[in-house]
Amino acid sequence: MREFLQEEIKKLEGQIEILTRQIENSDRNITGLVAQKTRHMDRRDLLEVRKAELEAELAGLEPEQPSE
């Protein structure tokens, strides 16, 4: 009975070790995804600012005269 229990404990320790590595990998993946999302959001913000600048510039232009 002792050997059986020791073997079961050994199996569980192996499974725990594997799951611990998977959790650590998930943490790294989540960190990478958050960083990527932040970069995308920053880029979008820059593009929205540039769009607003161009729209303001366009609004300030004199109306075009119709060409004949």
PDB file of N, CA and C in Angstrom:
ATOM      1  N   MET A   1       0.832  -1.202   0.000  1.00  0.00           N
ATOM      2  CA  MET A   1       0.000   0.000   0.000  1.00  0.00           C
ATOM      3  C   MET A   1       0.871   1.258   0.000  1.00  0.00           C
ATOM      4  N   ARG A   2       1.958   1.241   0.753  1.00  0.00           N
ATOM      5  CA  ARG A   2       2.862   2.379   0.833  1.00  0.00           C
ATOM      6  C   ARG A   2       3.426   2.716  -0.545  1.00  0.00           C
ATOM      7  N   GLU A   3       3.859   1.687  -1.281  1.00  0.00           N
ATOM      8  CA  GLU A   3       4.442   1.902  -2.614  1.00  0.00           C
ATOM      9  C   GLU A   3       3.412   2.493  -3.574  1.00  0.00           C
ATOM     10  N   PHE A   4       2.191   1.972  -3.484  1.00  0.00           N
ATOM     11  CA  PHE A   4       1.126   2.487  -4.347  1.00  0.00           C
ATOM     12  C   PHE A   4       0.910   3.981  -4.092  1.00  0.00           C
ATOM     13  N   LEU A   5       0.821   4.342  -2.827  1.00  0.00           N
ATOM     14  CA  LEU A   5       0.596   5.745  -2.474  1.00  0.00           C
ATOM     15  C   LEU A   5       1.768   6.624  -2.918  1.00  0.00           C
ATOM     16  N   GLN A   6       2.990   6.111  -2.748  1.00  0.00           N
ATOM     17  CA  GLN A   6       4.161   6.868  -3.173  1.00  0.00           C
ATOM     18  C   GLN A   6       4.164   7.070  -4.688  1.00  0.00           C
ATOM     19  N   GLU A   7       3.767   6.036  -5.439  1.00  0.00           N
ATOM     20  CA  GLU A   7       3.686   6.152  -6.906  1.00  0.00           C
ATOM     21  C   GLU A   7       2.618   7.163  -7.311  1.00  0.00           C
ATOM     22  N   GLU A   8       1.482   7.130  -6.650  1.00  0.00           N
ATOM     23  CA  GLU A   8       0.408   8.083  -6.955  1.00  0.00           C
ATOM     24  C   GLU A   8       0.865   9.516  -6.665  1.00  0.00           C
ATOM     25  N   ILE A   9       1.564   9.684  -5.558  1.00  0.00           N
ATOM     26  CA  ILE A   9       2.086  11.012  -5.211  1.00  0.00           C
ATOM     27  C   ILE A   9       3.081  11.465  -6.272  1.00  0.00           C
ATOM     28  N   LYS A  10       3.931  10.563  -6.734  1.00  0.00           N
ATOM     29  CA  LYS A  10       4.917  10.892  -7.763  1.00  0.00           C
ATOM     30  C   LYS A  10       4.226  11.305  -9.066  1.00  0.00           C
ATOM     31  N   LYS A  11       3.166  10.564  -9.430  1.00  0.00           N
ATOM     32  CA  LYS A  11       2.409  10.923 -10.638  1.00  0.00           C
ATOM     33  C   LYS A  11       1.797  12.321 -10.500  1.00  0.00           C
ATOM     34  N   LEU A  12       1.215  12.570  -9.338  1.00  0.00           N
ATOM     35  CA  LEU A  12       0.586  13.872  -9.111  1.00  0.00           C
ATOM     36  C   LEU A  12       1.612  14.996  -9.134  1.00  0.00           C
ATOM     37  N   GLU A  13       2.778  14.751  -8.579  1.00  0.00           N
ATOM     38  CA  GLU A  13       3.833  15.763  -8.618  1.00  0.00           C
ATOM     39  C   GLU A  13       4.223  16.087 -10.057  1.00  0.00           C
ATOM     40  N   GLY A  14       4.302  15.064 -10.907  1.00  0.00           N
ATOM     41  CA  GLY A  14       4.616  15.281 -12.318  1.00  0.00           C
ATOM     42  C   GLY A  14       3.543  16.100 -13.006  1.00  0.00           C
ATOM     43  N   GLN A  15       2.282  15.777 -12.732  1.00  0.00           N
ATOM     44  CA  GLN A  15       1.175  16.525 -13.333  1.00  0.00           C
ATOM     45  C   GLN A  15       1.160  17.972 -12.847  1.00  0.00           C
ATOM     46  N   ILE A  16       1.440  18.151 -11.553  1.00  0.00           N
ATOM     47  CA  ILE A  16       1.493  19.511 -10.994  1.00  0.00           C
ATOM     48  C   ILE A  16       2.606  20.304 -11.657  1.00  0.00           C
ATOM     49  N   GLU A  17       3.752  19.673 -11.871  1.00  0.00           N
ATOM     50  CA  GLU A  17       4.876  20.361 -12.518  1.00  0.00           C
ATOM     51  C   GLU A  17       4.516  20.791 -13.942  1.00  0.00           C
ATOM     52  N   ILE A  18       3.862  19.907 -14.673  1.00  0.00           N
ATOM     53  CA  ILE A  18       3.441  20.233 -16.045  1.00  0.00           C
ATOM     54  C   ILE A  18       2.455  21.401 -16.029  1.00  0.00           C
ATOM     55  N   LEU A  19       1.481  21.335 -15.144  1.00  0.00           N
ATOM     56  CA  LEU A  19       0.487  22.411 -15.070  1.00  0.00           C
ATOM     57  C   LEU A  19       1.115  23.728 -14.642  1.00  0.00           C
ATOM     58  N   THR A  20       2.080  23.660 -13.770  1.00  0.00           N
ATOM     59  CA  THR A  20       2.780  24.878 -13.342  1.00  0.00           C
ATOM     60  C   THR A  20       3.481  25.520 -14.524  1.00  0.00           C
ATOM     61  N   ARG A  21       4.137  24.701 -15.367  1.00  0.00           N
ATOM     62  CA  ARG A  21       4.796  25.253 -16.564  1.00  0.00           C
ATOM     63  C   ARG A  21       3.765  25.837 -17.525  1.00  0.00           C
ATOM     64  N   GLN A  22       2.619  25.172 -17.670  1.00  0.00           N
ATOM     65  CA  GLN A  22       1.574  25.699 -18.555  1.00  0.00           C
ATOM     66  C   GLN A  22       1.044  27.043 -18.035  1.00  0.00           C
ATOM     67  N   ILE A  23       0.901  27.152 -16.728  1.00  0.00           N
ATOM     68  CA  ILE A  23       0.444  28.420 -16.133  1.00  0.00           C
ATOM     69  C   ILE A  23       1.467  29.514 -16.402  1.00  0.00           C
ATOM     70  N   GLU A  24       2.742  29.192 -16.220  1.00  0.00           N
ATOM     71  CA  GLU A  24       3.790  30.187 -16.478  1.00  0.00           C
ATOM     72  C   GLU A  24       3.793  30.609 -17.942  1.00  0.00           C
ATOM     73  N   ASN A  25       3.612  29.646 -18.851  1.00  0.00           N
ATOM     74  CA  ASN A  25       3.548  29.976 -20.280  1.00  0.00           C
ATOM     75  C   ASN A  25       2.345  30.861 -20.575  1.00  0.00           C
ATOM     76  N   SER A  26       1.226  30.569 -19.947  1.00  0.00           N
ATOM     77  CA  SER A  26       0.024  31.376 -20.145  1.00  0.00           C
ATOM     78  C   SER A  26       0.252  32.808 -19.666  1.00  0.00           C
ATOM     79  N   ASP A  27       0.942  32.936 -18.522  1.00  0.00           N
ATOM     80  CA  ASP A  27       1.241  34.273 -18.011  1.00  0.00           C
ATOM     81  C   ASP A  27       2.081  35.055 -19.013  1.00  0.00           C
ATOM     82  N   ARG A  28       3.078  34.392 -19.600  1.00  0.00           N
ATOM     83  CA  ARG A  28       3.911  35.076 -20.596  1.00  0.00           C
ATOM     84  C   ARG A  28       3.078  35.433 -21.826  1.00  0.00           C
ATOM     85  N   ASN A  29       2.199  34.525 -22.247  1.00  0.00           N
ATOM     86  CA  ASN A  29       1.355  34.806 -23.410  1.00  0.00           C
ATOM     87  C   ASN A  29       0.420  35.977 -23.134  1.00  0.00           C
ATOM     88  N   ILE A  30      -0.151  35.996 -21.944  1.00  0.00           N
ATOM     89  CA  ILE A  30      -1.054  37.095 -21.586  1.00  0.00           C
ATOM     90  C   ILE A  30      -0.291  38.409 -21.578  1.00  0.00           C
ATOM     91  N   THR A  31       0.906  38.406 -21.005  1.00  0.00           N
ATOM     92  CA  THR A  31       1.729  39.614 -20.963  1.00  0.00           C
ATOM     93  C   THR A  31       2.026  40.094 -22.377  1.00  0.00           C
ATOM     94  N   GLY A  32       2.355  39.154 -23.263  1.00  0.00           N
ATOM     95  CA  GLY A  32       2.635  39.506 -24.655  1.00  0.00           C
ATOM     96  C   GLY A  32       1.406  40.063 -25.354  1.00  0.00           C
ATOM     97  N   LEU A  33       0.250  39.461 -25.107  1.00  0.00           N
ATOM     98  CA  LEU A  33      -0.987  39.943 -25.729  1.00  0.00           C
ATOM     99  C   LEU A  33      -1.363  41.334 -25.235  1.00  0.00           C
ATOM    100  N   VAL A  34      -1.173  41.580 -23.952  1.00  0.00           N
ATOM    101  CA  VAL A  34      -1.474  42.902 -23.400  1.00  0.00           C
ATOM    102  C   VAL A  34      -0.546  43.948 -24.028  1.00  0.00           C
ATOM    103  N   ALA A  35       0.732  43.601 -24.147  1.00  0.00           N
ATOM    104  CA  ALA A  35       1.684  44.534 -24.760  1.00  0.00           C
ATOM    105  C   ALA A  35       1.315  44.806 -26.211  1.00  0.00           C
ATOM    106  N   GLN A  36       0.928  43.748 -26.933  1.00  0.00           N
ATOM    107  CA  GLN A  36       0.535  43.915 -28.337  1.00  0.00           C
ATOM    108  C   GLN A  36      -0.723  44.780 -28.441  1.00  0.00           C
ATOM    109  N   LYS A  37      -1.691  44.523 -27.582  1.00  0.00           N
ATOM    110  CA  LYS A  37      -2.924  45.308 -27.605  1.00  0.00           C
ATOM    111  C   LYS A  37      -2.626  46.776 -27.308  1.00  0.00           C
ATOM    112  N   THR A  38      -1.741  47.008 -26.349  1.00  0.00           N
ATOM    113  CA  THR A  38      -1.365  48.378 -26.002  1.00  0.00           C
ATOM    114  C   THR A  38      -0.723  49.076 -27.192  1.00  0.00           C
ATOM    115  N   ARG A  39       0.159  48.369 -27.909  1.00  0.00           N
ATOM    116  CA  ARG A  39       0.788  48.965 -29.098  1.00  0.00           C
ATOM    117  C   ARG A  39      -0.262  49.300 -30.152  1.00  0.00           C
ATOM    118  N   HIS A  40      -1.201  48.393 -30.369  1.00  0.00           N
ATOM    119  CA  HIS A  40      -2.255  48.646 -31.363  1.00  0.00           C
ATOM    120  C   HIS A  40      -3.116  49.842 -30.955  1.00  0.00           C
ATOM    121  N   MET A  41      -3.444  49.922 -29.677  1.00  0.00           N
ATOM    122  CA  MET A  41      -4.276  51.028 -29.206  1.00  0.00           C
ATOM    123  C   MET A  41      -3.525  52.355 -29.327  1.00  0.00           C
ATOM    124  N   ASP A  42      -2.227  52.343 -28.996  1.00  0.00           N
ATOM    125  CA  ASP A  42      -1.424  53.561 -29.139  1.00  0.00           C
ATOM    126  C   ASP A  42      -1.360  53.999 -30.595  1.00  0.00           C
ATOM    127  N   ARG A  43      -1.167  53.045 -31.493  1.00  0.00           N
ATOM    128  CA  ARG A  43      -1.100  53.358 -32.932  1.00  0.00           C
ATOM    129  C   ARG A  43      -2.431  53.924 -33.415  1.00  0.00           C
ATOM    130  N   ARG A  44      -3.544  53.308 -32.971  1.00  0.00           N
ATOM    131  CA  ARG A  44      -4.874  53.809 -33.349  1.00  0.00           C
ATOM    132  C   ARG A  44      -5.072  55.228 -32.847  1.00  0.00           C
ATOM    133  N   ASP A  45      -4.646  55.491 -31.599  1.00  0.00           N
ATOM    134  CA  ASP A  45      -4.780  56.837 -31.036  1.00  0.00           C
ATOM    135  C   ASP A  45      -4.010  57.855 -31.872  1.00  0.00           C
ATOM    136  N   LEU A  46      -2.788  57.486 -32.283  1.00  0.00           N
ATOM    137  CA  LEU A  46      -1.996  58.396 -33.126  1.00  0.00           C
ATOM    138  C   LEU A  46      -2.695  58.658 -34.461  1.00  0.00           C
ATOM    139  N   LEU A  47      -3.261  57.613 -35.043  1.00  0.00           N
ATOM    140  CA  LEU A  47      -3.960  57.778 -36.323  1.00  0.00           C
ATOM    141  C   LEU A  47      -5.210  58.637 -36.160  1.00  0.00           C
ATOM    142  N   GLU A  48      -5.923  58.465 -35.042  1.00  0.00           N
ATOM    143  CA  GLU A  48      -7.116  59.280 -34.811  1.00  0.00           C
ATOM    144  C   GLU A  48      -6.757  60.752 -34.627  1.00  0.00           C
ATOM    145  N   VAL A  49      -5.642  61.015 -33.946  1.00  0.00           N
ATOM    146  CA  VAL A  49      -5.184  62.399 -33.783  1.00  0.00           C
ATOM    147  C   VAL A  49      -4.841  62.982 -35.148  1.00  0.00           C
ATOM    148  N   ARG A  50      -4.124  62.238 -35.968  1.00  0.00           N
ATOM    149  CA  ARG A  50      -3.735  62.717 -37.309  1.00  0.00           C
ATOM    150  C   ARG A  50      -4.981  62.970 -38.159  1.00  0.00           C
ATOM    151  N   LYS A  51      -5.965  62.072 -38.072  1.00  0.00           N
ATOM    152  CA  LYS A  51      -7.216  62.246 -38.821  1.00  0.00           C
ATOM    153  C   LYS A  51      -7.920  63.530 -38.387  1.00  0.00           C
ATOM    154  N   ALA A  52      -7.980  63.769 -37.077  1.00  0.00           N
ATOM    155  CA  ALA A  52      -8.627  64.984 -36.563  1.00  0.00           C
ATOM    156  C   ALA A  52      -7.895  66.227 -37.046  1.00  0.00           C
ATOM    157  N   GLU A  53      -6.562  66.167 -37.093  1.00  0.00           N
ATOM    158  CA  GLU A  53      -5.789  67.305 -37.595  1.00  0.00           C
ATOM    159  C   GLU A  53      -6.106  67.572 -39.060  1.00  0.00           C
ATOM    160  N   LEU A  54      -6.169  66.512 -39.852  1.00  0.00           N
ATOM    161  CA  LEU A  54      -6.466  66.684 -41.277  1.00  0.00           C
ATOM    162  C   LEU A  54      -7.885  67.187 -41.495  1.00  0.00           C
ATOM    163  N   GLU A  55      -8.825  66.694 -40.696  1.00  0.00           N
ATOM    164  CA  GLU A  55     -10.215  67.163 -40.811  1.00  0.00           C
ATOM    165  C   GLU A  55     -10.313  68.648 -40.446  1.00  0.00           C
ATOM    166  N   ALA A  56      -9.576  69.056 -39.436  1.00  0.00           N
ATOM    167  CA  ALA A  56      -9.587  70.469 -39.046  1.00  0.00           C
ATOM    168  C   ALA A  56      -8.971  71.324 -40.144  1.00  0.00           C
ATOM    169  N   GLU A  57      -7.889  70.820 -40.732  1.00  0.00           N
ATOM    170  CA  GLU A  57      -7.245  71.547 -41.830  1.00  0.00           C
ATOM    171  C   GLU A  57      -8.192  71.656 -43.021  1.00  0.00           C
ATOM    172  N   LEU A  58      -8.878  70.574 -43.319  1.00  0.00           N
ATOM    173  CA  LEU A  58      -9.825  70.558 -44.436  1.00  0.00           C
ATOM    174  C   LEU A  58     -10.972  71.543 -44.174  1.00  0.00           C
ATOM    175  N   ALA A  59     -11.462  71.566 -42.957  1.00  0.00           N
ATOM    176  CA  ALA A  59     -12.574  72.460 -42.608  1.00  0.00           C
ATOM    177  C   ALA A  59     -12.147  73.931 -42.725  1.00  0.00           C
ATOM    178  N   GLY A  60     -10.869  74.196 -42.530  1.00  0.00           N
ATOM    179  CA  GLY A  60     -10.384  75.568 -42.597  1.00  0.00           C
ATOM    180  C   GLY A  60     -10.078  76.056 -44.004  1.00  0.00           C
ATOM    181  N   LEU A  61     -10.128  75.186 -44.984  1.00  0.00           N
ATOM    182  CA  LEU A  61      -9.831  75.579 -46.363  1.00  0.00           C
ATOM    183  C   LEU A  61     -10.997  76.360 -46.952  1.00  0.00           C
ATOM    184  N   GLU A  62     -10.652  77.237 -47.869  1.00  0.00           N
ATOM    185  CA  GLU A  62     -11.686  77.974 -48.597  1.00  0.00           C
ATOM    186  C   GLU A  62     -12.455  76.973 -49.464  1.00  0.00           C
ATOM    187  N   PRO A  63     -13.750  77.192 -49.612  1.00  0.00           N
ATOM    188  CA  PRO A  63     -14.504  76.291 -50.503  1.00  0.00           C
ATOM    189  C   PRO A  63     -13.945  76.380 -51.926  1.00  0.00           C
ATOM    190  N   GLU A  64     -13.913  75.247 -52.593  1.00  0.00           N
ATOM    191  CA  GLU A  64     -13.389  75.241 -53.958  1.00  0.00           C
ATOM    192  C   GLU A  64     -14.416  75.877 -54.904  1.00  0.00           C
ATOM    193  N   GLN A  65     -13.875  76.603 -55.850  1.00  0.00           N
ATOM    194  CA  GLN A  65     -14.738  77.196 -56.868  1.00  0.00           C
ATOM    195  C   GLN A  65     -15.025  76.142 -57.925  1.00  0.00           C
ATOM    196  N   PRO A  66     -16.267  76.062 -58.375  1.00  0.00           N
ATOM    197  CA  PRO A  66     -16.547  75.058 -59.424  1.00  0.00           C
ATOM    198  C   PRO A  66     -15.758  75.386 -60.680  1.00  0.00           C
ATOM    199  N   SER A  67     -15.191  74.361 -61.267  1.00  0.00           N
ATOM    200  CA  SER A  67     -14.428  74.586 -62.507  1.00  0.00           C
ATOM    201  C   SER A  67     -15.374  74.558 -63.691  1.00  0.00           C
ATOM    202  N   GLU A  68     -15.001  75.356 -64.712  1.00  0.00           N
ATOM    203  CA  GLU A  68     -15.879  75.459 -65.878  1.00  0.00           C
ATOM    204  C   GLU A  68     -15.416  74.572 -66.978  1.00  0.00           C
TER     205      GLU A  68
END
